[in-house]
């Protein structure tokens, strides 16, 4: 539902508002074109956000034959479909015809979804009062220790932030730095 002051229109379920799914699809197409290599976000965005983006974008820029009707060359729909076909043909000359057709229907080549940030094994959220920023962390820990901590977890796995985990990351980083100094 629309919040007070936001754009809206009447619907059977109450005031509706423009969806962020279509906003993202539109911005991506305008800035990056009809086919992008990588799109990322949190695991919680897979459904419905990214699935809606994908469906809308495929419908908006897919080749005309995907719509089940023909257009004269040069129409908006055909031109966007041609853009997708051109983008897909630049992919790889060794790509098979079937793979090229699949790429033409795609909006994104690779989706990357990261795990949640947990704090002491509980999901981080403002409503739980356990929310903080990287700036807050950097007031207590060196940036390299924070980087060590973050790269020690697979990007799809949840990151469990705790003072103990950051202390351990700091200790490991110190050990590596000391070993490098000792080697010279």
Protein backbone atom coordinates (compact mmCIF):
# COMPACT_ATOMS: atom_id res chain seq x y z
CA UNK A 1 0.00 0.00 0.00
CA UNK A 2 1.02 3.57 -0.56
CA UNK A 3 2.31 5.56 2.40
CA UNK A 4 1.06 9.12 2.99
CA UNK A 5 2.67 11.52 0.51
CA UNK A 6 3.71 8.77 -1.96
CA UNK A 7 2.24 8.58 -5.47
CA UNK A 8 -0.75 6.23 -5.62
CA UNK A 9 -3.79 5.17 -7.62
CA UNK A 10 -7.03 3.49 -6.55
CA UNK A 11 -7.14 -0.31 -6.53
CA UNK A 12 -9.48 -2.96 -5.08
CA UNK A 13 -6.95 -3.49 -2.25
CA UNK A 14 -6.48 0.18 -1.35
CA UNK A 15 -4.22 2.88 -2.74
CA UNK A 16 -1.57 1.33 -4.98
CA UNK A 17 1.86 2.74 -5.76
CA UNK A 18 4.50 2.27 -8.43
CA UNK A 19 6.38 -0.93 -7.73
CA UNK A 20 10.08 -0.94 -7.00
CA UNK A 21 10.40 -3.99 -9.27
CA UNK A 22 9.53 -1.98 -12.38
CA UNK A 23 11.59 0.97 -11.14
CA UNK A 24 14.69 -1.24 -10.93
CA UNK A 25 14.00 -2.81 -14.33
CA UNK A 26 13.57 0.62 -15.90
CA UNK A 27 16.72 2.08 -14.35
CA UNK A 28 18.83 -0.91 -15.35
CA UNK A 29 17.57 -0.86 -18.94
CA UNK A 30 18.07 2.92 -19.27
CA UNK A 31 21.55 3.02 -17.74
CA UNK A 32 23.01 -0.38 -18.64
CA UNK A 33 20.96 -1.68 -21.56
CA UNK A 34 18.69 -4.68 -22.11
CA UNK A 35 21.20 -7.32 -20.98
CA UNK A 36 23.53 -7.04 -17.99
CA UNK A 37 26.23 -9.40 -16.81
CA UNK A 38 25.77 -9.39 -13.01
CA UNK A 39 22.88 -8.42 -10.74
CA UNK A 40 23.13 -8.84 -7.00
CA UNK A 41 21.27 -8.41 -3.76
CA UNK A 42 20.30 -10.16 -0.56
CA UNK A 43 18.77 -13.64 -0.50
CA UNK A 44 15.50 -12.07 0.56
CA UNK A 45 15.25 -10.31 -2.83
CA UNK A 46 15.12 -13.50 -4.93
CA UNK A 47 11.33 -13.62 -4.58
CA UNK A 48 9.40 -11.55 -5.32
CA UNK A 49 11.72 -8.67 -6.29
CA UNK A 50 14.23 -10.26 -8.67
CA UNK A 51 11.71 -12.68 -10.16
CA UNK A 52 9.41 -9.74 -10.92
CA UNK A 53 12.29 -7.72 -12.40
CA UNK A 54 13.18 -10.67 -14.61
CA UNK A 55 9.61 -11.25 -15.83
CA UNK A 56 9.00 -7.57 -16.54
CA UNK A 57 12.32 -7.05 -18.28
CA UNK A 58 11.92 -10.14 -20.45
CA UNK A 59 8.47 -8.94 -21.48
CA UNK A 60 9.68 -5.39 -22.16
CA UNK A 61 12.78 -6.11 -24.23
CA UNK A 62 12.33 -9.64 -25.52
CA UNK A 63 12.42 -10.29 -29.26
CA UNK A 64 9.04 -9.83 -30.93
CA UNK A 65 8.70 -13.51 -31.77
CA UNK A 66 8.52 -14.08 -28.02
CA UNK A 67 5.36 -11.95 -27.94
CA UNK A 68 3.61 -14.11 -30.52
CA UNK A 69 3.13 -11.34 -33.06
CA UNK A 70 5.09 -9.68 -35.86
CA UNK A 71 6.01 -6.00 -36.22
CA UNK A 72 7.45 -4.00 -39.06
CA UNK A 73 11.19 -3.38 -38.69
CA UNK A 74 11.98 -0.27 -36.66
CA UNK A 75 9.07 -0.27 -34.19
CA UNK A 76 9.89 0.23 -30.52
CA UNK A 77 9.26 -3.40 -29.63
CA UNK A 78 11.34 -4.66 -32.55
CA UNK A 79 14.16 -2.23 -31.89
CA UNK A 80 14.43 -3.32 -28.26
CA UNK A 81 14.36 -6.96 -29.33
CA UNK A 82 17.10 -6.22 -31.86
CA UNK A 83 19.16 -4.60 -29.08
CA UNK A 84 18.86 -7.77 -27.02
CA UNK A 85 19.85 -9.87 -30.04
CA UNK A 86 22.87 -7.64 -30.74
CA UNK A 87 23.95 -7.76 -27.08
CA UNK A 88 23.63 -11.54 -27.04
CA UNK A 89 25.57 -11.92 -30.30
CA UNK A 90 28.50 -10.03 -28.78
CA UNK A 91 28.69 -12.57 -25.95
CA UNK A 92 30.80 -15.34 -27.45
CA UNK A 93 31.32 -16.44 -31.01
CA UNK A 94 31.61 -20.03 -29.78
CA UNK A 95 28.16 -19.92 -28.20
CA UNK A 96 25.70 -22.37 -29.77
CA UNK A 97 22.50 -21.18 -31.42
CA UNK A 98 20.42 -22.59 -28.57
CA UNK A 99 22.59 -20.79 -25.98
CA UNK A 100 22.28 -17.53 -27.95
CA UNK A 101 18.49 -17.86 -27.98
CA UNK A 102 18.56 -18.38 -24.22
CA UNK A 103 20.75 -15.28 -23.76
CA UNK A 104 18.34 -13.24 -25.88
CA UNK A 105 15.55 -14.09 -23.43
CA UNK A 106 17.70 -13.23 -20.42
CA UNK A 107 17.86 -9.94 -18.62
CA UNK A 108 20.84 -10.90 -16.43
CA UNK A 109 23.58 -13.43 -17.15
CA UNK A 110 24.54 -14.08 -13.49
CA UNK A 111 22.52 -13.50 -10.34
CA UNK A 112 24.47 -13.20 -7.06
CA UNK A 113 22.54 -13.32 -3.79
CA UNK A 114 24.38 -12.72 -0.55
CA UNK A 115 23.57 -14.06 2.90
CA UNK A 116 22.14 -11.95 5.69
CA UNK A 117 24.17 -10.15 8.29
CA UNK A 118 23.46 -11.59 11.72
CA UNK A 119 24.53 -10.07 15.01
CA UNK A 120 25.33 -12.61 17.70
CA UNK A 121 23.37 -15.24 15.67
CA UNK A 122 20.27 -13.02 15.30
CA UNK A 123 19.26 -11.28 12.05
CA UNK A 124 20.39 -7.67 12.00
CA UNK A 125 17.48 -5.25 11.86
CA UNK A 126 16.60 -1.78 13.04
CA UNK A 127 13.45 -3.10 14.73
CA UNK A 128 15.53 -5.45 16.93
CA UNK A 129 17.88 -2.62 17.85
CA UNK A 130 20.99 -4.51 16.69
CA UNK A 131 21.65 -2.41 13.60
CA UNK A 132 24.94 -0.59 13.00
CA UNK A 133 26.95 0.74 10.10
CA UNK A 134 30.42 -0.06 8.81
CA UNK A 135 31.48 3.35 10.15
CA UNK A 136 30.47 2.15 13.62
CA UNK A 137 32.57 -1.00 13.25
CA UNK A 138 35.58 0.94 11.95
CA UNK A 139 35.60 3.02 15.13
CA UNK A 140 36.47 -0.20 17.02
CA UNK A 141 38.38 -2.31 14.46
CA UNK A 142 40.94 -1.74 11.72
CA UNK A 143 39.53 -1.81 8.17
CA UNK A 144 41.81 -4.74 7.24
CA UNK A 145 40.45 -6.76 10.18
CA UNK A 146 36.91 -6.10 8.97
CA UNK A 147 37.89 -7.16 5.44
CA UNK A 148 39.49 -10.35 6.79
CA UNK A 149 36.30 -11.10 8.70
CA UNK A 150 34.09 -10.53 5.65
CA UNK A 151 36.13 -12.59 3.18
CA UNK A 152 36.28 -15.50 5.63
CA UNK A 153 32.62 -16.26 4.86
CA UNK A 154 31.23 -17.40 1.50
CA UNK A 155 29.19 -14.59 -0.03
CA UNK A 156 25.97 -16.66 -0.01
CA UNK A 157 26.32 -17.72 3.61
CA UNK A 158 25.06 -15.59 6.48
CA UNK A 159 27.71 -13.43 8.12
CA UNK A 160 27.55 -13.72 11.89
CA UNK A 161 28.95 -10.50 13.29
CA UNK A 162 30.09 -10.54 16.89
CA UNK A 163 32.83 -8.83 18.88
CA UNK A 164 34.48 -12.22 19.35
CA UNK A 165 34.51 -12.89 15.58
CA UNK A 166 36.04 -9.46 14.87
CA UNK A 167 38.61 -9.99 17.64
CA UNK A 168 39.55 -13.33 16.05
CA UNK A 169 39.82 -11.70 12.62
CA UNK A 170 42.09 -9.04 14.11
CA UNK A 171 44.25 -11.74 15.70
CA UNK A 172 44.54 -13.68 12.43
CA UNK A 173 45.42 -10.54 10.51
CA UNK A 174 48.07 -9.66 13.09
CA UNK A 175 49.53 -13.19 12.76
CA UNK A 176 49.74 -12.89 8.95
CA UNK A 177 51.31 -9.42 9.12
CA UNK A 178 53.80 -10.59 11.74
CA UNK A 179 54.72 -13.64 9.65
CA UNK A 180 55.33 -11.38 6.64
CA UNK A 181 57.54 -9.08 8.69
CA UNK A 182 59.49 -12.01 10.12
CA UNK A 183 60.06 -13.40 6.62
CA UNK A 184 61.92 -10.27 5.55
